Amino acid sequence: MPFFSQAKTFEKLWPVIRSGVEEVFEDGKFSHSRQVGRLEDALARYTGARHAIGVNSGTDALVLLLKACGLRPGDRVLVPAYSFVATATSVVLAGGEPVFTDIDPDTYAMDPARVPRQAAEGARFVMPVHLFSRMADMAAVTTLAGAHGLRVVEDSAEGIGMRQHGVHAGLHGRGGVLSFFPSKTLGAVGDAGAVLTDDPQTAERVAALRHHGRTGRTLAHFPGISNETRHVGHNSKMDDIQAAVLLAKLTVLDEDIRRRAALARLYDRRLRGLPGITRLPAVTGAPDEVFYVYLVETDRRDALAARLRDQGIGTETYYPRPLHLQPCFARLGHRPGDFPVAEAASARALALPLYADLTDADVERVCDAVRAFHTGRVPA
């Protein structure tokens, strides 16, 4: 059983995907064209964003959004110490400096209460990350931002479908991003991403930056701008084949989200109270609950992963080394113990298989294997 697979989903959607891909070949335009425009419109409708701008990856989406929001060379950006490395490297690639903060042990997201005053006062941006199945506490984040004059940019790469107080992830501040990496809740067949924002100026700037800083005909949603290069930009256009795949998968996204939530509830029933499992994700049963990843914590994480691997069950470790201890950030001078909650999660967190193609029997098999490992009893 792989950690992730979408083979059955692709088989079900193949007629629609094939039609969209064939249209791309008939048009003869393979990036930044009609399918991308359709996807941008569809994403804006789905999320409620005034603007959705397709780019070539979630990482580039963060870089372009930070630049479009006015990040200047050397600007300090508050980011959680527990996240995928692109959260922090995107800050550096945009010209800024990451300032790490500890996380909330329940949401795995930035904990504003743990942000030292001196760190907040020396920063210009705050970038919370929405991980796994829970958004950051955006009310607390915006309160922190207001107290210290910070601009809020959301790393909502995993957040498609997530909402807080009715507002979609990525739309609580200046803007946010989506990643369409294949294993995401809405995944492409390669790299792709998008920027979400309600601000027209931010959207216009991102749209220009993704295409070498050019304006004019490259900005379908901003007609009338002369075709000239106003900014030093990037080559970060979205491929239309990826857009065609995403348009097809967007039609079943809500169905997939509900299926993932049902599987998470099954995991919860089978694993809750099991000795050796120190933390399970909260399962609320809310109709809009989104599970990108089902993450458990155990003090014997690596041994459990090895046992499951031996039984043909794939897992994923999120994230075995926190950001402040990554070699690429050694110059910042952090040491073990600086962010203890993030470090504990890095040492104990393990993701179990969770995707729409998974069956109830698959989850039962995983749970039986996890219980056998922790209890020493072979399932009947």
Protein backbone atom coordinates (compact mmCIF):
# COMPACT_ATOMS: atom_id res chain seq x y z
CA MET A 1 0.00 0.00 0.00
CA PRO A 2 1.71 3.23 -1.09
CA PHE A 3 1.67 6.32 1.07
CA PHE A 4 -0.11 8.10 -1.77
CA SER A 5 -1.75 7.09 -5.03
CA GLN A 6 -4.30 8.68 -7.33
CA ALA A 7 -4.44 5.93 -9.96
CA LYS A 8 -8.17 5.22 -9.43
CA THR A 9 -9.01 8.92 -9.50
CA PHE A 10 -7.19 9.35 -12.81
CA GLU A 11 -8.93 6.30 -14.25
CA LYS A 12 -12.32 7.75 -13.28
CA LEU A 13 -11.51 11.23 -14.62
CA TRP A 14 -9.50 10.18 -17.66
CA PRO A 15 -12.13 11.04 -20.31
CA VAL A 16 -12.38 14.61 -18.98
CA ILE A 17 -8.61 14.94 -18.54
CA ARG A 18 -7.96 13.59 -22.04
CA SER A 19 -10.41 16.07 -23.55
CA GLY A 20 -8.70 18.98 -21.81
CA VAL A 21 -5.21 17.82 -22.79
CA GLU A 22 -6.29 17.31 -26.40
CA GLU A 23 -7.60 20.88 -26.42
CA VAL A 24 -4.17 22.10 -25.31
CA PHE A 25 -2.53 20.31 -28.24
CA GLU A 26 -5.13 21.64 -30.64
CA ASP A 27 -4.51 25.17 -29.45
CA GLY A 28 -0.76 24.70 -29.76
CA LYS A 29 -0.17 26.88 -26.69
CA PHE A 30 1.26 24.94 -23.77
CA SER A 31 1.69 27.51 -21.00
CA HIS A 32 -0.05 30.60 -19.73
CA SER A 33 -2.96 30.11 -22.11
CA ARG A 34 -6.68 29.28 -22.20
CA GLN A 35 -6.73 26.34 -19.76
CA VAL A 36 -4.74 28.35 -17.21
CA GLY A 37 -7.23 31.21 -17.47
CA ARG A 38 -10.12 28.80 -16.94
CA LEU A 39 -8.43 27.31 -13.90
CA GLU A 40 -7.76 30.75 -12.42
CA ASP A 41 -11.44 31.63 -12.76
CA ALA A 42 -12.50 28.29 -11.26
CA LEU A 43 -10.12 28.67 -8.30
CA ALA A 44 -11.37 32.19 -7.64
CA ARG A 45 -14.96 30.91 -7.55
CA TYR A 46 -14.09 27.96 -5.33
CA THR A 47 -12.05 29.91 -2.77
CA GLY A 48 -13.94 33.19 -2.92
CA ALA A 49 -10.75 35.04 -3.88
CA ARG A 50 -11.10 38.08 -6.11
CA HIS A 51 -7.95 37.00 -7.92
CA ALA A 52 -6.23 33.65 -8.48
CA ILE A 53 -2.98 33.68 -10.46
CA GLY A 54 -1.54 30.41 -11.74
CA VAL A 55 2.21 29.84 -11.46
CA ASN A 56 4.55 26.89 -11.83
CA SER A 57 4.85 25.80 -8.18
CA GLY A 58 3.78 26.56 -4.64
CA THR A 59 7.30 27.70 -3.84
CA ASP A 60 7.36 30.23 -6.66
CA ALA A 61 3.91 31.36 -5.55
CA LEU A 62 5.37 32.29 -2.15
CA VAL A 63 8.38 34.07 -3.67
CA LEU A 64 6.25 36.10 -6.06
CA LEU A 65 3.64 36.93 -3.43
CA LEU A 66 6.24 38.18 -0.96
CA LYS A 67 7.81 40.38 -3.62
CA ALA A 68 4.41 41.64 -4.78
CA CYS A 69 3.52 42.55 -1.19
CA GLY A 70 6.54 44.80 -0.93
CA LEU A 71 9.22 42.65 0.72
CA ARG A 72 12.50 44.56 0.59
CA PRO A 73 16.04 43.16 0.73
CA GLY A 74 16.81 42.14 4.29
CA ASP A 75 13.23 42.35 5.56
CA ARG A 76 12.61 39.93 8.43
CA VAL A 77 9.72 37.50 8.09
CA LEU A 78 8.29 35.51 11.03
CA VAL A 79 7.84 31.86 10.02
CA PRO A 80 7.23 28.70 12.06
CA ALA A 81 10.19 26.45 12.77
CA TYR A 82 8.15 23.39 11.80
CA SER A 83 7.20 23.30 8.14
CA PHE A 84 8.45 22.23 4.73
CA VAL A 85 11.76 23.90 3.93
CA ALA A 86 10.22 25.98 1.11
CA THR A 87 8.41 28.08 3.73
CA ALA A 88 11.73 29.57 4.80
CA THR A 89 13.75 29.29 1.58
CA SER A 90 11.06 31.24 -0.28
CA VAL A 91 11.71 34.13 2.09
CA VAL A 92 15.42 34.03 1.26
CA LEU A 93 14.75 33.69 -2.48
CA ALA A 94 12.53 36.77 -2.28
CA GLY A 95 15.36 38.69 -0.59
CA GLY A 96 14.22 38.48 3.02
CA GLU A 97 15.44 36.89 6.24
CA PRO A 98 13.43 34.19 8.04
CA VAL A 99 12.87 34.62 11.78
CA PHE A 100 11.80 31.32 13.27
CA THR A 101 9.09 30.92 15.90
CA ASP A 102 7.73 27.93 17.81
CA ILE A 103 4.44 26.20 17.06
CA ASP A 104 1.16 25.30 18.72
CA PRO A 105 1.32 21.58 19.65
CA ASP A 106 -2.29 20.99 18.57
CA THR A 107 -2.36 22.70 15.17
CA TYR A 108 1.37 22.41 14.30
CA ALA A 109 1.02 26.01 13.12
CA MET A 110 2.76 29.15 14.31
CA ASP A 111 1.84 30.00 17.90
CA PRO A 112 1.63 33.81 18.15
CA ALA A 113 1.84 33.54 21.94
CA ARG A 114 5.34 32.07 21.56
CA VAL A 115 6.67 34.88 19.36
CA PRO A 116 9.18 36.90 21.41
CA ARG A 117 8.38 40.60 21.45
CA GLN A 118 11.83 41.54 20.16
CA ALA A 119 11.42 39.19 17.19
CA ALA A 120 8.03 40.67 16.29
CA GLU A 121 9.25 44.23 16.66
CA GLY A 122 12.19 43.57 14.35
CA ALA A 123 10.11 41.95 11.60
CA ARG A 124 8.09 43.39 8.74
CA PHE A 125 6.06 40.32 7.72
CA VAL A 126 4.45 37.37 9.46
CA MET A 127 3.85 34.21 7.43
CA PRO A 128 1.77 31.54 9.20
CA VAL A 129 1.57 28.07 7.63
CA HIS A 130 -1.56 25.92 7.53
CA LEU A 131 -0.41 22.33 7.95
CA PHE A 132 -2.01 18.91 7.59
CA SER A 133 -5.62 19.38 8.74
CA ARG A 134 -5.74 22.61 10.77
CA MET A 135 -5.30 26.25 9.91
CA ALA A 136 -3.24 28.58 12.05
CA ASP A 137 -5.23 30.72 14.48
CA MET A 138 -5.64 33.63 12.09
CA ALA A 139 -7.44 35.83 14.62
CA ALA A 140 -4.38 35.59 16.89
CA VAL A 141 -2.00 36.07 13.95
CA THR A 142 -3.77 39.20 12.76
CA THR A 143 -3.83 40.54 16.34
CA LEU A 144 -0.06 40.02 16.51
CA ALA A 145 0.34 41.69 13.13
CA GLY A 146 -1.75 44.67 14.16
CA ALA A 147 0.21 45.14 17.39
CA HIS A 148 3.55 45.25 15.56
CA GLY A 149 2.68 46.66 12.15
CA LEU A 150 3.33 43.37 10.31
CA ARG A 151 2.03 42.41 6.90
CA VAL A 152 0.29 39.02 6.84
CA VAL A 153 1.14 36.61 4.03
CA GLU A 154 -0.14 33.01 4.33
CA ASP A 155 1.70 29.87 3.33
CA SER A 156 -1.56 28.10 2.57
CA ALA A 157 0.07 25.66 0.13
CA GLU A 158 -1.76 22.74 1.78
CA GLY A 159 -4.92 24.71 2.44
CA ILE A 160 -7.25 24.14 -0.53
CA GLY A 161 -10.76 23.83 0.91
CA MET A 162 -9.76 24.97 4.41
CA ARG A 163 -11.77 27.85 5.85
CA GLN A 164 -11.82 29.72 9.13
CA HIS A 165 -14.89 31.76 10.05
CA GLY A 166 -16.03 31.30 6.46
CA VAL A 167 -12.86 32.75 4.92
CA HIS A 168 -10.73 30.46 2.76
CA ALA A 169 -7.10 29.85 3.67
CA GLY A 170 -4.87 32.46 2.10
CA LEU A 171 -7.41 35.29 2.23
CA HIS A 172 -7.01 36.52 5.81
CA GLY A 173 -4.14 38.91 5.02
CA ARG A 174 -2.45 40.32 1.92
CA GLY A 175 -2.70 36.97 0.15
CA GLY A 176 -1.83 33.31 0.21
CA VAL A 177 -0.72 30.47 -2.02
CA LEU A 178 -1.77 27.02 -3.17
CA SER A 179 0.47 24.13 -4.14
CA PHE A 180 -0.73 21.53 -6.62
CA PHE A 181 2.10 19.09 -6.04
CA PRO A 182 0.68 15.64 -6.96
CA SER A 183 0.07 14.48 -3.38
CA LYS A 184 -1.82 17.62 -2.35
CA THR A 185 -5.57 17.49 -1.78
CA LEU A 186 -5.89 18.99 -5.27
CA GLY A 187 -2.86 17.62 -7.09
CA ALA A 188 -1.54 17.96 -10.62
CA VAL A 189 0.74 15.54 -12.48
CA GLY A 190 3.78 17.66 -11.73
CA ASP A 191 4.55 21.00 -10.15
CA ALA A 192 2.03 23.84 -10.25
CA GLY A 193 0.78 26.49 -7.86
CA ALA A 194 -1.32 29.61 -7.50
CA VAL A 195 -1.48 32.89 -5.62
CA LEU A 196 -4.76 33.95 -4.00
CA THR A 197 -5.45 37.57 -3.12
CA ASP A 198 -8.30 40.05 -2.86
CA ASP A 199 -6.01 42.98 -3.65
CA PRO A 200 -5.93 43.96 -7.35
CA GLN A 201 -2.51 45.63 -7.14
CA THR A 202 -0.96 42.53 -5.55
CA ALA A 203 -2.59 40.36 -8.19
CA GLU A 204 -1.34 42.57 -11.02
CA ARG A 205 2.20 42.53 -9.64
CA VAL A 206 2.23 38.72 -9.22
CA ALA A 207 0.83 38.26 -12.72
CA ALA A 208 3.64 40.36 -14.15
CA LEU A 209 6.39 38.81 -12.03
CA ARG A 210 5.46 35.28 -13.14
CA HIS A 211 6.18 36.21 -16.78
CA HIS A 212 9.56 37.99 -16.64
CA GLY A 213 7.95 41.14 -15.28
CA ARG A 214 6.08 41.68 -18.54
CA THR A 215 2.67 43.30 -18.71
CA GLY A 216 0.09 43.65 -21.45
CA ARG A 217 -1.19 40.64 -23.36
CA THR A 218 0.28 38.26 -20.76
CA LEU A 219 -2.18 39.60 -18.17
CA ALA A 220 -5.54 38.25 -19.29
CA HIS A 221 -7.26 39.62 -16.18
CA PHE A 222 -5.71 43.08 -16.49
CA PRO A 223 -6.44 44.28 -20.03
CA GLY A 224 -5.22 47.60 -21.29
CA ILE A 225 -1.74 47.49 -19.72
CA SER A 226 0.99 48.14 -22.25
CA ASN A 227 3.19 45.21 -23.27
CA GLU A 228 6.39 46.22 -21.55
CA THR A 229 8.72 44.93 -18.84
CA ARG A 230 8.19 46.99 -15.70
CA HIS A 231 9.76 44.63 -13.16
CA VAL A 232 12.63 42.18 -13.02
CA GLY A 233 10.55 39.03 -12.97
CA HIS A 234 10.66 35.25 -13.12
CA ASN A 235 9.77 32.54 -15.60
CA SER A 236 7.04 30.97 -13.48
CA LYS A 237 4.14 30.41 -15.86
CA MET A 238 1.77 27.49 -15.30
CA ASP A 239 1.63 24.77 -17.95
CA ASP A 240 -1.76 24.35 -19.59
CA ILE A 241 -1.59 20.57 -19.35
CA GLN A 242 -1.37 20.89 -15.58
CA ALA A 243 -4.29 23.32 -15.65
CA ALA A 244 -6.35 20.85 -17.69
CA VAL A 245 -5.69 18.10 -15.15
CA LEU A 246 -6.54 20.39 -12.24
CA LEU A 247 -9.77 21.57 -13.86
CA ALA A 248 -10.90 17.96 -14.15
CA LYS A 249 -9.92 17.13 -10.56
CA LEU A 250 -11.53 20.30 -9.22
CA THR A 251 -14.91 18.85 -10.20
CA VAL A 252 -14.51 16.08 -7.60
CA LEU A 253 -12.53 18.05 -5.00
CA ASP A 254 -15.36 18.37 -2.48
CA GLU A 255 -16.13 14.66 -2.87
CA ASP A 256 -12.47 13.84 -2.27
CA ILE A 257 -12.35 16.10 0.79
CA ARG A 258 -15.38 14.32 2.26
CA ARG A 259 -13.79 10.94 1.58
CA ARG A 260 -10.55 11.97 3.28
CA ALA A 261 -12.52 13.17 6.31
CA ALA A 262 -14.39 9.86 6.51
CA LEU A 263 -11.09 7.96 6.44
CA ALA A 264 -9.71 10.25 9.17
CA ARG A 265 -12.73 9.43 11.34
CA LEU A 266 -12.08 5.73 10.80
CA TYR A 267 -8.44 6.16 11.81
CA ASP A 268 -9.57 8.07 14.89
CA ARG A 269 -11.99 5.33 16.00
CA ARG A 270 -9.38 2.61 15.61
CA LEU A 271 -6.36 4.40 17.08
CA ARG A 272 -7.70 6.69 19.81
CA GLY A 273 -6.58 5.55 23.24
CA LEU A 274 -3.93 3.20 21.86
CA PRO A 275 -0.93 3.07 24.22
CA GLY A 276 2.16 4.36 22.47
CA ILE A 277 0.31 6.89 20.29
CA THR A 278 0.84 10.18 22.08
CA ARG A 279 -1.19 12.41 19.77
CA LEU A 280 -3.86 12.07 17.11
CA PRO A 281 -5.24 14.89 14.97
CA ALA A 282 -8.47 16.49 16.10
CA VAL A 283 -11.48 15.13 14.24
CA THR A 284 -14.42 17.49 14.65
CA GLY A 285 -16.87 16.08 12.14
CA ALA A 286 -17.52 19.56 10.74
CA PRO A 287 -18.91 19.44 7.18
CA ASP A 288 -16.00 21.49 5.83
CA GLU A 289 -13.26 19.54 7.63
CA VAL A 290 -10.20 19.08 5.41
CA PHE A 291 -7.53 16.43 5.92
CA TYR A 292 -4.53 16.81 3.67
CA VAL A 293 -2.45 14.53 5.92
CA TYR A 294 -3.35 12.22 8.81
CA LEU A 295 -0.52 12.73 11.29
CA VAL A 296 0.10 10.76 14.49
CA GLU A 297 2.80 11.16 17.10
CA THR A 298 4.66 8.34 18.79
CA ASP A 299 7.91 8.14 20.72
CA ARG A 300 8.90 5.18 18.52
CA ARG A 301 8.26 6.92 15.24
CA ASP A 302 11.17 5.56 13.21
CA ALA A 303 10.69 1.99 14.44
CA LEU A 304 6.99 2.14 13.61
CA ALA A 305 7.72 3.48 10.12
CA ALA A 306 10.20 0.65 9.56
CA ARG A 307 7.71 -1.98 10.73
CA LEU A 308 4.99 -0.63 8.45
CA ARG A 309 7.45 -0.47 5.54
CA ASP A 310 8.30 -4.13 6.10
CA GLN A 311 4.59 -4.89 5.76
CA GLY A 312 4.30 -2.95 2.52
CA ILE A 313 2.63 0.11 4.05
CA GLY A 314 4.01 3.48 3.04
CA THR A 315 4.38 6.38 5.49
CA GLU A 316 5.92 9.84 5.40
CA THR A 317 7.89 11.73 8.05
CA TYR A 318 6.86 15.40 8.41
CA TYR A 319 9.45 16.90 9.08
CA PRO A 320 12.44 14.98 10.49
CA ARG A 321 14.54 18.11 11.03
CA PRO A 322 12.99 21.46 12.01
CA LEU A 323 13.83 24.47 9.89
CA HIS A 324 16.03 26.25 12.41
CA LEU A 325 18.36 23.20 12.50
CA GLN A 326 18.65 22.79 8.73
CA PRO A 327 22.23 23.24 7.48
CA CYS A 328 21.18 25.96 5.04
CA PHE A 329 20.17 28.14 8.01
CA ALA A 330 23.20 27.40 10.20
CA ARG A 331 24.34 31.01 9.78
CA LEU A 332 21.39 32.09 11.94
CA GLY A 333 23.04 30.40 14.92
CA HIS A 334 20.19 28.31 16.29
CA ARG A 335 20.78 25.32 18.56
CA PRO A 336 18.70 22.33 19.68
CA GLY A 337 16.27 23.47 22.35
CA ASP A 338 15.54 26.87 20.79
CA PHE A 339 12.05 25.80 19.68
CA PRO A 340 11.14 22.75 21.76
CA VAL A 341 7.59 22.18 20.48
CA ALA A 342 8.75 22.16 16.88
CA GLU A 343 11.64 19.84 17.75
CA ALA A 344 9.33 17.41 19.56
CA ALA A 345 7.03 17.23 16.54
CA SER A 346 9.99 16.61 14.24
CA ALA A 347 11.06 13.69 16.41
CA ARG A 348 7.65 12.04 16.81
CA ALA A 349 5.32 12.85 13.91
CA LEU A 350 4.45 10.23 11.29
CA ALA A 351 1.90 10.48 8.49
CA LEU A 352 -0.20 7.43 7.64
CA PRO A 353 -1.71 6.81 4.19
CA LEU A 354 -4.63 9.14 3.43
CA TYR A 355 -6.06 9.80 -0.03
CA ALA A 356 -9.40 9.51 -1.76
CA ASP A 357 -8.51 6.23 -3.51
CA LEU A 358 -7.93 4.50 -0.16
CA THR A 359 -10.55 1.96 0.97
CA ASP A 360 -11.89 1.37 4.46
CA ALA A 361 -10.19 -2.03 4.36
CA ASP A 362 -6.87 -0.32 3.63
CA VAL A 363 -7.25 1.87 6.73
CA GLU A 364 -8.22 -1.15 8.82
CA ARG A 365 -5.06 -2.89 7.65
CA VAL A 366 -2.91 0.10 8.62
CA CYS A 367 -4.58 0.36 12.03
CA ASP A 368 -4.14 -3.36 12.68
CA ALA A 369 -0.44 -3.04 11.92
CA VAL A 370 -0.05 0.04 14.15
CA ARG A 371 -1.90 -1.66 17.03
CA ALA A 372 0.17 -4.84 16.64
CA PHE A 373 3.37 -2.81 16.79
CA HIS A 374 2.37 -1.02 19.99
CA THR A 375 0.71 -3.92 21.77
CA GLY A 376 2.80 -6.83 20.51
CA ARG A 377 -0.37 -8.65 19.50
CA VAL A 378 -0.81 -10.00 16.02
CA PRO A 379 -4.26 -9.07 14.64
CA ALA A 380 -6.70 -11.95 14.24
